[in-house]
Amino acid sequence: MKNKIKQGLYPDMKDADYFGSAELTNSDFRLLSESALHHKNKDLFALSGGKFSFGSALHCLVLEPEEFESRYAVEDFKGSDLNKNSKAYKEAKAEWKKEVEGKDILSAEDHIKLKQMARNVNAIMGSFLTGRSEVAMFADMDDVLMSGKADHINDELRYIFDLKTTQSISKFGTSAVDYNYISQSALYPDIYEKITGKRYSFAFILVETVSPYMVSLQTAPTEMIEIGRSIYVEMIGRYKAFRDQGQVEIEKQVRLPSWFLKAQGYGEDLL
């Protein structure tokens, strides 16, 4: 194993301690699917941007509301309504940023939106969110220290819930493929079972990012879990081949569009 972290559940682990403590997480598969070298250099390909910080803020507001004010600052300081190109506005903002140094900054508009989304999630899912939130999990999976951070674990219902924002609930299946939520649906219950010996189901709590911020609870079907398990097993194997033997596969073929191949005389049976 990579370090002194032992297999188990860590309900109070801070993000600073969690990230980098394991060899692999589900988010690492994004780069491992390209190659082990991409994963080795993952700092070069880190995801960042507004939608990621927005999602983190929603998680905090729903799952750890008592932590919200200590982590986030809303851009509604005295003078925030002034002309943003004015000297007075710039001076007021600079002074305010000193006061909130170390916190993530949210616009007033995003804060209003987040509160409305959190309100809707709690209205529909509040009775389900009665267990443990933000639980770090570490388990030895085929001699690789895997980790996952469960958004919420409900022991009475035996469910692991994951909160996701989405532009469209009806199109979430496509997002599950694009962002590899598929392997997460298998990996998290498998890690939990490896630690506790108990089998829990996995479900997504979805909330749309456009008004009226519809909420939906969607469970992971059997085929999703089976495919997800095959994905994470393959990724673990790819990681181990590089870790133990230095093997790396980076070469891929160009994928030409089917319409172009058909135009060139390549039939369906050749595609």
C-alpha atoms as a PDB file:
ATOM      1  CA  MET A   1       0.000   0.000   0.000  1.00  0.00           C
ATOM      2  CA  LYS A   2       0.998   3.561  -0.683  1.00  0.00           C
ATOM      3  CA  ASN A   3       1.146   4.891   2.866  1.00  0.00           C
ATOM      4  CA  LYS A   4       0.033   4.341   6.439  1.00  0.00           C
ATOM      5  CA  ILE A   5      -3.683   4.701   5.707  1.00  0.00           C
ATOM      6  CA  LYS A   6      -5.344   1.449   6.714  1.00  0.00           C
ATOM      7  CA  GLN A   7      -8.373  -0.151   5.153  1.00  0.00           C
ATOM      8  CA  GLY A   8     -11.472   1.287   6.751  1.00  0.00           C
ATOM      9  CA  LEU A   9     -14.039   4.063   6.952  1.00  0.00           C
ATOM     10  CA  TYR A  10     -12.970   7.592   7.887  1.00  0.00           C
ATOM     11  CA  PRO A  11     -16.078   9.754   8.498  1.00  0.00           C
ATOM     12  CA  ASP A  12     -14.226  12.874   9.631  1.00  0.00           C
ATOM     13  CA  MET A  13     -11.325  12.926   7.167  1.00  0.00           C
ATOM     14  CA  LYS A  14     -10.625  16.351   5.657  1.00  0.00           C
ATOM     15  CA  ASP A  15     -10.136  16.717   1.917  1.00  0.00           C
ATOM     16  CA  ALA A  16      -6.513  17.759   2.431  1.00  0.00           C
ATOM     17  CA  ASP A  17      -5.831  14.397   4.079  1.00  0.00           C
ATOM     18  CA  TYR A  18      -8.046  12.384   1.748  1.00  0.00           C
ATOM     19  CA  PHE A  19      -6.673  13.438  -1.620  1.00  0.00           C
ATOM     20  CA  GLY A  20      -3.446  11.658  -2.428  1.00  0.00           C
ATOM     21  CA  SER A  21      -3.769   9.121   0.390  1.00  0.00           C
ATOM     22  CA  ALA A  22      -4.760   6.242  -1.896  1.00  0.00           C
ATOM     23  CA  GLU A  23      -3.193   4.833  -5.020  1.00  0.00           C
ATOM     24  CA  LEU A  24      -6.352   5.096  -7.101  1.00  0.00           C
ATOM     25  CA  THR A  25      -9.770   6.712  -7.031  1.00  0.00           C
ATOM     26  CA  ASN A  26     -12.615   6.553  -9.512  1.00  0.00           C
ATOM     27  CA  SER A  27     -11.662   9.980 -10.853  1.00  0.00           C
ATOM     28  CA  ASP A  28      -8.224   8.600 -11.789  1.00  0.00           C
ATOM     29  CA  PHE A  29      -9.820   6.319 -14.384  1.00  0.00           C
ATOM     30  CA  ARG A  30     -10.389   9.329 -16.654  1.00  0.00           C
ATOM     31  CA  LEU A  31      -6.648   9.518 -17.266  1.00  0.00           C
ATOM     32  CA  LEU A  32      -5.861   5.814 -16.921  1.00  0.00           C
ATOM     33  CA  SER A  33      -8.240   5.176 -19.821  1.00  0.00           C
ATOM     34  CA  GLU A  34      -5.803   7.229 -21.918  1.00  0.00           C
ATOM     35  CA  SER A  35      -2.651   5.677 -20.478  1.00  0.00           C
ATOM     36  CA  ALA A  36      -0.777   5.074 -17.241  1.00  0.00           C
ATOM     37  CA  LEU A  37       1.550   7.922 -18.215  1.00  0.00           C
ATOM     38  CA  HIS A  38      -1.382  10.311 -18.268  1.00  0.00           C
ATOM     39  CA  HIS A  39      -2.252   9.168 -14.763  1.00  0.00           C
ATOM     40  CA  LYS A  40       1.340   9.499 -13.574  1.00  0.00           C
ATOM     41  CA  ASN A  41       1.284  13.115 -14.764  1.00  0.00           C
ATOM     42  CA  LYS A  42      -2.249  13.812 -13.574  1.00  0.00           C
ATOM     43  CA  ASP A  43      -1.352  17.208 -12.127  1.00  0.00           C
ATOM     44  CA  LEU A  44      -0.970  18.411 -15.722  1.00  0.00           C
ATOM     45  CA  PHE A  45      -4.545  17.401 -16.570  1.00  0.00           C
ATOM     46  CA  ALA A  46      -6.401  18.410 -13.420  1.00  0.00           C
ATOM     47  CA  LEU A  47     -10.029  19.382 -13.883  1.00  0.00           C
ATOM     48  CA  SER A  48     -10.968  22.825 -12.654  1.00  0.00           C
ATOM     49  CA  GLY A  49     -13.462  25.550 -13.327  1.00  0.00           C
ATOM     50  CA  GLY A  50     -16.739  26.997 -12.197  1.00  0.00           C
ATOM     51  CA  LYS A  51     -18.904  23.904 -12.529  1.00  0.00           C
ATOM     52  CA  PHE A  52     -16.617  21.871 -10.259  1.00  0.00           C
ATOM     53  CA  SER A  53     -16.493  24.503  -7.488  1.00  0.00           C
ATOM     54  CA  PHE A  54     -20.255  25.005  -7.852  1.00  0.00           C
ATOM     55  CA  GLY A  55     -20.870  21.292  -7.345  1.00  0.00           C
ATOM     56  CA  SER A  56     -18.602  21.229  -4.302  1.00  0.00           C
ATOM     57  CA  ALA A  57     -20.485  24.161  -2.801  1.00  0.00           C
ATOM     58  CA  LEU A  58     -23.811  22.350  -3.279  1.00  0.00           C
ATOM     59  CA  HIS A  59     -22.402  19.241  -1.580  1.00  0.00           C
ATOM     60  CA  CYS A  60     -21.370  21.349   1.387  1.00  0.00           C
ATOM     61  CA  LEU A  61     -24.698  23.174   1.600  1.00  0.00           C
ATOM     62  CA  VAL A  62     -26.720  19.941   1.475  1.00  0.00           C
ATOM     63  CA  LEU A  63     -24.499  17.466   3.303  1.00  0.00           C
ATOM     64  CA  GLU A  64     -22.429  19.649   5.631  1.00  0.00           C
ATOM     65  CA  PRO A  65     -24.405  22.904   6.033  1.00  0.00           C
ATOM     66  CA  GLU A  66     -22.678  23.707   9.313  1.00  0.00           C
ATOM     67  CA  GLU A  67     -19.378  23.973   7.398  1.00  0.00           C
ATOM     68  CA  PHE A  68     -20.629  26.287   4.645  1.00  0.00           C
ATOM     69  CA  GLU A  69     -19.837  29.680   6.185  1.00  0.00           C
ATOM     70  CA  SER A  70     -16.321  28.622   7.151  1.00  0.00           C
ATOM     71  CA  ARG A  71     -15.533  27.403   3.633  1.00  0.00           C
ATOM     72  CA  TYR A  72     -17.345  29.860   1.372  1.00  0.00           C
ATOM     73  CA  ALA A  73     -17.708  33.606   1.103  1.00  0.00           C
ATOM     74  CA  VAL A  74     -20.577  35.166  -0.833  1.00  0.00           C
ATOM     75  CA  GLU A  75     -19.766  38.184  -2.953  1.00  0.00           C
ATOM     76  CA  ASP A  76     -22.330  40.485  -1.341  1.00  0.00           C
ATOM     77  CA  PHE A  77     -19.951  42.793   0.522  1.00  0.00           C
ATOM     78  CA  LYS A  78     -20.682  46.456   1.207  1.00  0.00           C
ATOM     79  CA  GLY A  79     -20.184  48.161  -2.116  1.00  0.00           C
ATOM     80  CA  SER A  80     -20.826  45.076  -4.244  1.00  0.00           C
ATOM     81  CA  ASP A  81     -23.728  46.866  -5.912  1.00  0.00           C
ATOM     82  CA  LEU A  82     -21.478  49.655  -7.228  1.00  0.00           C
ATOM     83  CA  ASN A  83     -20.346  49.907 -10.845  1.00  0.00           C
ATOM     84  CA  LYS A  84     -17.822  47.089 -11.219  1.00  0.00           C
ATOM     85  CA  ASN A  85     -15.529  49.339 -13.246  1.00  0.00           C
ATOM     86  CA  SER A  86     -15.471  52.030 -10.591  1.00  0.00           C
ATOM     87  CA  LYS A  87     -12.545  52.694  -8.285  1.00  0.00           C
ATOM     88  CA  ALA A  88     -14.830  52.491  -5.236  1.00  0.00           C
ATOM     89  CA  TYR A  89     -16.010  49.005  -6.200  1.00  0.00           C
ATOM     90  CA  LYS A  90     -12.488  47.728  -6.804  1.00  0.00           C
ATOM     91  CA  GLU A  91     -11.251  49.112  -3.488  1.00  0.00           C
ATOM     92  CA  ALA A  92     -14.221  47.650  -1.588  1.00  0.00           C
ATOM     93  CA  LYS A  93     -13.737  44.243  -3.188  1.00  0.00           C
ATOM     94  CA  ALA A  94     -10.003  44.226  -2.496  1.00  0.00           C
ATOM     95  CA  GLU A  95     -10.627  44.979   1.182  1.00  0.00           C
ATOM     96  CA  TRP A  96     -13.334  42.315   1.400  1.00  0.00           C
ATOM     97  CA  LYS A  97     -11.108  39.680  -0.208  1.00  0.00           C
ATOM     98  CA  LYS A  98      -8.562  40.269   2.544  1.00  0.00           C
ATOM     99  CA  GLU A  99     -11.255  39.575   5.122  1.00  0.00           C
ATOM    100  CA  VAL A 100     -12.335  36.295   3.501  1.00  0.00           C
ATOM    101  CA  GLU A 101      -8.880  35.058   2.499  1.00  0.00           C
ATOM    102  CA  GLY A 102      -8.726  31.272   2.398  1.00  0.00           C
ATOM    103  CA  LYS A 103     -12.401  30.830   1.538  1.00  0.00           C
ATOM    104  CA  ASP A 104     -13.842  29.919  -1.845  1.00  0.00           C
ATOM    105  CA  ILE A 105     -15.757  32.818  -3.321  1.00  0.00           C
ATOM    106  CA  LEU A 106     -19.284  32.515  -4.685  1.00  0.00           C
ATOM    107  CA  SER A 107     -21.192  35.149  -6.596  1.00  0.00           C
ATOM    108  CA  ALA A 108     -24.418  36.362  -5.024  1.00  0.00           C
ATOM    109  CA  GLU A 109     -26.311  34.918  -7.998  1.00  0.00           C
ATOM    110  CA  ASP A 110     -24.735  31.480  -7.564  1.00  0.00           C
ATOM    111  CA  HIS A 111     -25.438  31.563  -3.845  1.00  0.00           C
ATOM    112  CA  ILE A 112     -29.152  32.211  -4.453  1.00  0.00           C
ATOM    113  CA  LYS A 113     -29.211  29.390  -6.998  1.00  0.00           C
ATOM    114  CA  LEU A 114     -27.398  27.013  -4.646  1.00  0.00           C
ATOM    115  CA  LYS A 115     -29.829  27.728  -1.819  1.00  0.00           C
ATOM    116  CA  GLN A 116     -32.777  26.998  -4.090  1.00  0.00           C
ATOM    117  CA  MET A 117     -31.205  23.748  -5.300  1.00  0.00           C
ATOM    118  CA  ALA A 118     -30.334  22.677  -1.747  1.00  0.00           C
ATOM    119  CA  ARG A 119     -33.880  23.513  -0.617  1.00  0.00           C
ATOM    120  CA  ASN A 120     -35.315  21.263  -3.318  1.00  0.00           C
ATOM    121  CA  VAL A 121     -32.935  18.406  -2.551  1.00  0.00           C
ATOM    122  CA  ASN A 122     -33.776  18.553   1.144  1.00  0.00           C
ATOM    123  CA  ALA A 123     -37.499  18.748   0.438  1.00  0.00           C
ATOM    124  CA  ILE A 124     -37.457  15.569  -1.629  1.00  0.00           C
ATOM    125  CA  MET A 125     -34.506  13.651  -0.182  1.00  0.00           C
ATOM    126  CA  GLY A 126     -34.269  14.963   3.372  1.00  0.00           C
ATOM    127  CA  SER A 127     -35.784  11.836   4.919  1.00  0.00           C
ATOM    128  CA  PHE A 128     -33.170   9.715   3.118  1.00  0.00           C
ATOM    129  CA  LEU A 129     -30.209  11.811   4.300  1.00  0.00           C
ATOM    130  CA  THR A 130     -30.325  10.654   7.911  1.00  0.00           C
ATOM    131  CA  GLY A 131     -27.046   8.751   8.166  1.00  0.00           C
ATOM    132  CA  ARG A 132     -23.396   9.623   7.629  1.00  0.00           C
ATOM    133  CA  SER A 133     -22.186  12.185   5.106  1.00  0.00           C
ATOM    134  CA  GLU A 134     -18.830  12.623   3.351  1.00  0.00           C
ATOM    135  CA  VAL A 135     -17.373   9.291   4.482  1.00  0.00           C
ATOM    136  CA  ALA A 136     -13.895   8.490   3.154  1.00  0.00           C
ATOM    137  CA  MET A 137     -13.431   4.797   2.359  1.00  0.00           C
ATOM    138  CA  PHE A 138     -10.155   2.953   1.793  1.00  0.00           C
ATOM    139  CA  ALA A 139      -9.822  -0.679   0.760  1.00  0.00           C
ATOM    140  CA  ASP A 140      -7.193  -2.998  -0.670  1.00  0.00           C
ATOM    141  CA  MET A 141      -8.606  -4.072  -4.042  1.00  0.00           C
ATOM    142  CA  ASP A 142      -6.340  -6.622  -5.752  1.00  0.00           C
ATOM    143  CA  ASP A 143      -3.237  -5.218  -4.013  1.00  0.00           C
ATOM    144  CA  VAL A 144      -4.109  -1.616  -4.865  1.00  0.00           C
ATOM    145  CA  LEU A 145      -5.244   0.854  -2.212  1.00  0.00           C
ATOM    146  CA  MET A 146      -8.492   2.214  -3.624  1.00  0.00           C
ATOM    147  CA  SER A 147     -10.509   5.034  -2.123  1.00  0.00           C
ATOM    148  CA  GLY A 148     -13.845   6.714  -2.544  1.00  0.00           C
ATOM    149  CA  LYS A 149     -15.670   9.425  -0.678  1.00  0.00           C
ATOM    150  CA  ALA A 150     -19.307   8.483  -0.188  1.00  0.00           C
ATOM    151  CA  ASP A 151     -21.549  11.538  -0.211  1.00  0.00           C
ATOM    152  CA  HIS A 152     -24.005   9.852   2.124  1.00  0.00           C
ATOM    153  CA  ILE A 153     -24.447   6.404   3.657  1.00  0.00           C
ATOM    154  CA  ASN A 154     -27.881   5.404   4.962  1.00  0.00           C
ATOM    155  CA  ASP A 155     -27.462   2.296   7.118  1.00  0.00           C
ATOM    156  CA  GLU A 156     -31.192   1.781   7.676  1.00  0.00           C
ATOM    157  CA  LEU A 157     -31.896   1.598   3.927  1.00  0.00           C
ATOM    158  CA  ARG A 158     -28.451   0.109   3.150  1.00  0.00           C
ATOM    159  CA  TYR A 159     -27.771   2.681   0.455  1.00  0.00           C
ATOM    160  CA  ILE A 160     -24.795   4.734  -0.648  1.00  0.00           C
ATOM    161  CA  PHE A 161     -26.022   7.993  -2.185  1.00  0.00           C
ATOM    162  CA  ASP A 162     -24.089  10.236  -4.547  1.00  0.00           C
ATOM    163  CA  LEU A 163     -25.258  13.813  -5.142  1.00  0.00           C
ATOM    164  CA  LYS A 164     -24.853  15.018  -8.723  1.00  0.00           C
ATOM    165  CA  THR A 165     -25.783  18.208 -10.530  1.00  0.00           C
ATOM    166  CA  THR A 166     -26.986  17.851 -14.108  1.00  0.00           C
ATOM    167  CA  GLN A 167     -28.374  20.090 -16.809  1.00  0.00           C
ATOM    168  CA  SER A 168     -31.015  17.506 -17.662  1.00  0.00           C
ATOM    169  CA  ILE A 169     -32.181  14.561 -15.575  1.00  0.00           C
ATOM    170  CA  SER A 170     -33.543  12.872 -18.705  1.00  0.00           C
ATOM    171  CA  LYS A 171     -30.049  12.919 -20.241  1.00  0.00           C
ATOM    172  CA  PHE A 172     -28.144  11.872 -17.135  1.00  0.00           C
ATOM    173  CA  GLY A 173     -27.387   8.442 -18.630  1.00  0.00           C
ATOM    174  CA  THR A 174     -25.209  10.167 -21.226  1.00  0.00           C
ATOM    175  CA  SER A 175     -23.427  12.129 -18.498  1.00  0.00           C
ATOM    176  CA  ALA A 176     -22.867   8.882 -16.587  1.00  0.00           C
ATOM    177  CA  VAL A 177     -20.949   7.576 -19.600  1.00  0.00           C
ATOM    178  CA  ASP A 178     -19.096  10.835 -20.330  1.00  0.00           C
ATOM    179  CA  TYR A 179     -17.903  11.321 -16.740  1.00  0.00           C
ATOM    180  CA  ASN A 180     -17.547   7.613 -15.884  1.00  0.00           C
ATOM    181  CA  TYR A 181     -20.095   7.514 -13.112  1.00  0.00           C
ATOM    182  CA  ILE A 182     -20.614   3.948 -14.326  1.00  0.00           C
ATOM    183  CA  SER A 183     -17.532   2.541 -12.601  1.00  0.00           C
ATOM    184  CA  GLN A 184     -18.320   4.585  -9.482  1.00  0.00           C
ATOM    185  CA  SER A 185     -21.681   2.810  -9.158  1.00  0.00           C
ATOM    186  CA  ALA A 186     -19.829  -0.497  -8.815  1.00  0.00           C
ATOM    187  CA  LEU A 187     -16.643   0.608  -7.084  1.00  0.00           C
ATOM    188  CA  TYR A 188     -18.182   2.370  -4.080  1.00  0.00           C
ATOM    189  CA  PRO A 189     -20.428  -0.532  -2.984  1.00  0.00           C
ATOM    190  CA  ASP A 190     -17.554  -2.964  -3.588  1.00  0.00           C
ATOM    191  CA  ILE A 191     -15.164  -0.908  -1.462  1.00  0.00           C
ATOM    192  CA  TYR A 192     -17.773  -0.644   1.288  1.00  0.00           C
ATOM    193  CA  GLU A 193     -18.402  -4.386   1.209  1.00  0.00           C
ATOM    194  CA  LYS A 194     -14.674  -5.115   1.331  1.00  0.00           C
ATOM    195  CA  ILE A 195     -14.396  -3.000   4.486  1.00  0.00           C
ATOM    196  CA  THR A 196     -17.573  -3.977   6.314  1.00  0.00           C
ATOM    197  CA  GLY A 197     -18.708  -7.246   4.783  1.00  0.00           C
ATOM    198  CA  LYS A 198     -22.085  -5.603   4.087  1.00  0.00           C
ATOM    199  CA  ARG A 199     -23.596  -5.146   0.635  1.00  0.00           C
ATOM    200  CA  TYR A 200     -25.200  -1.743   0.074  1.00  0.00           C
ATOM    201  CA  SER A 201     -27.003  -0.487  -3.029  1.00  0.00           C
ATOM    202  CA  PHE A 202     -25.923   2.636  -4.912  1.00  0.00           C
ATOM    203  CA  ALA A 203     -28.101   5.515  -6.089  1.00  0.00           C
ATOM    204  CA  PHE A 204     -27.706   9.014  -7.527  1.00  0.00           C
ATOM    205  CA  ILE A 205     -29.473  12.041  -6.117  1.00  0.00           C
ATOM    206  CA  LEU A 206     -29.826  14.278  -9.155  1.00  0.00           C
ATOM    207  CA  VAL A 207     -30.656  17.975  -9.154  1.00  0.00           C
ATOM    208  CA  GLU A 208     -30.918  20.056 -12.300  1.00  0.00           C
ATOM    209  CA  THR A 209     -28.927  23.284 -12.560  1.00  0.00           C
ATOM    210  CA  VAL A 210     -31.751  25.137 -14.328  1.00  0.00           C
ATOM    211  CA  SER A 211     -34.967  26.384 -12.750  1.00  0.00           C
ATOM    212  CA  PRO A 212     -37.130  24.931 -11.270  1.00  0.00           C
ATOM    213  CA  TYR A 213     -34.207  22.683 -10.166  1.00  0.00           C
ATOM    214  CA  MET A 214     -35.951  19.335 -10.486  1.00  0.00           C
ATOM    215  CA  VAL A 215     -34.756  16.536  -8.174  1.00  0.00           C
ATOM    216  CA  SER A 216     -34.712  12.814  -8.899  1.00  0.00           C
ATOM    217  CA  LEU A 217     -33.509   9.686  -7.121  1.00  0.00           C
ATOM    218  CA  GLN A 218     -32.118   7.146  -9.593  1.00  0.00           C
ATOM    219  CA  THR A 219     -30.695   3.764  -8.630  1.00  0.00           C
ATOM    220  CA  ALA A 220     -27.855   2.082 -10.507  1.00  0.00           C
ATOM    221  CA  PRO A 221     -29.285  -0.830 -12.545  1.00  0.00           C
ATOM    222  CA  THR A 222     -27.630  -4.249 -12.618  1.00  0.00           C
ATOM    223  CA  GLU A 223     -26.125  -3.769 -16.076  1.00  0.00           C
ATOM    224  CA  MET A 224     -24.589  -0.449 -15.024  1.00  0.00           C
ATOM    225  CA  ILE A 225     -22.919  -2.074 -12.024  1.00  0.00           C
ATOM    226  CA  GLU A 226     -21.668  -5.027 -14.079  1.00  0.00           C
ATOM    227  CA  ILE A 227     -20.174  -2.772 -16.743  1.00  0.00           C
ATOM    228  CA  GLY A 228     -18.784  -0.457 -14.065  1.00  0.00           C
ATOM    229  CA  ARG A 229     -17.074  -3.353 -12.313  1.00  0.00           C
ATOM    230  CA  SER A 230     -15.456  -4.519 -15.550  1.00  0.00           C
ATOM    231  CA  ILE A 231     -14.187  -0.969 -16.122  1.00  0.00           C
ATOM    232  CA  TYR A 232     -12.602  -0.559 -12.717  1.00  0.00           C
ATOM    233  CA  VAL A 233     -11.066  -4.048 -12.788  1.00  0.00           C
ATOM    234  CA  GLU A 234      -9.475  -3.206 -16.142  1.00  0.00           C
ATOM    235  CA  MET A 235      -8.190   0.136 -14.825  1.00  0.00           C
ATOM    236  CA  ILE A 236      -6.683  -1.506 -11.729  1.00  0.00           C
ATOM    237  CA  GLY A 237      -4.954  -4.017 -13.991  1.00  0.00           C
ATOM    238  CA  ARG A 238      -3.611  -1.263 -16.196  1.00  0.00           C
ATOM    239  CA  TYR A 239      -2.307   0.616 -13.160  1.00  0.00           C
ATOM    240  CA  LYS A 240      -0.624  -2.485 -11.718  1.00  0.00           C
ATOM    241  CA  ALA A 241       1.037  -3.334 -15.032  1.00  0.00           C
ATOM    242  CA  PHE A 242       2.672   0.093 -14.979  1.00  0.00           C
ATOM    243  CA  ARG A 243       3.416   0.135 -11.249  1.00  0.00           C
ATOM    244  CA  ASP A 244       4.948  -3.340 -11.100  1.00  0.00           C
ATOM    245  CA  GLN A 245       6.374  -3.872 -14.590  1.00  0.00           C
ATOM    246  CA  GLY A 246       6.546  -0.457 -16.231  1.00  0.00           C
ATOM    247  CA  GLN A 247       4.094  -1.486 -18.943  1.00  0.00           C
ATOM    248  CA  VAL A 248       2.215   1.294 -20.660  1.00  0.00           C
ATOM    249  CA  GLU A 249      -0.101   1.365 -23.661  1.00  0.00           C
ATOM    250  CA  ILE A 250      -0.440   4.799 -25.193  1.00  0.00           C
ATOM    251  CA  GLU A 251      -0.937   4.164 -28.907  1.00  0.00           C
ATOM    252  CA  LYS A 252      -4.457   4.458 -30.323  1.00  0.00           C
ATOM    253  CA  GLN A 253      -5.925   4.468 -33.807  1.00  0.00           C
ATOM    254  CA  VAL A 254      -7.625   7.483 -35.323  1.00  0.00           C
ATOM    255  CA  ARG A 255     -11.392   6.981 -35.326  1.00  0.00           C
ATOM    256  CA  LEU A 256     -12.797   8.262 -38.584  1.00  0.00           C
ATOM    257  CA  PRO A 257     -16.484   9.251 -38.636  1.00  0.00           C
ATOM    258  CA  SER A 258     -18.843   6.602 -39.961  1.00  0.00           C
ATOM    259  CA  TRP A 259     -20.378   8.982 -42.528  1.00  0.00           C
ATOM    260  CA  PHE A 260     -16.943   9.533 -44.085  1.00  0.00           C
ATOM    261  CA  LEU A 261     -16.138   5.808 -44.230  1.00  0.00           C
ATOM    262  CA  LYS A 262     -19.496   5.069 -45.846  1.00  0.00           C
ATOM    263  CA  ALA A 263     -18.866   7.779 -48.418  1.00  0.00           C
ATOM    264  CA  GLN A 264     -15.583   6.079 -49.273  1.00  0.00           C
ATOM    265  CA  GLY A 265     -17.288   2.744 -49.879  1.00  0.00           C
ATOM    266  CA  TYR A 266     -16.800   1.073 -46.505  1.00  0.00           C
ATOM    267  CA  GLY A 267     -20.022  -0.809 -45.704  1.00  0.00           C
ATOM    268  CA  GLU A 268     -21.603  -1.380 -42.318  1.00  0.00           C
ATOM    269  CA  ASP A 269     -19.937  -4.779 -42.046  1.00  0.00           C
ATOM    270  CA  LEU A 270     -16.489  -3.159 -42.273  1.00  0.00           C
ATOM    271  CA  LEU A 271     -17.045  -0.397 -39.706  1.00  0.00           C
END
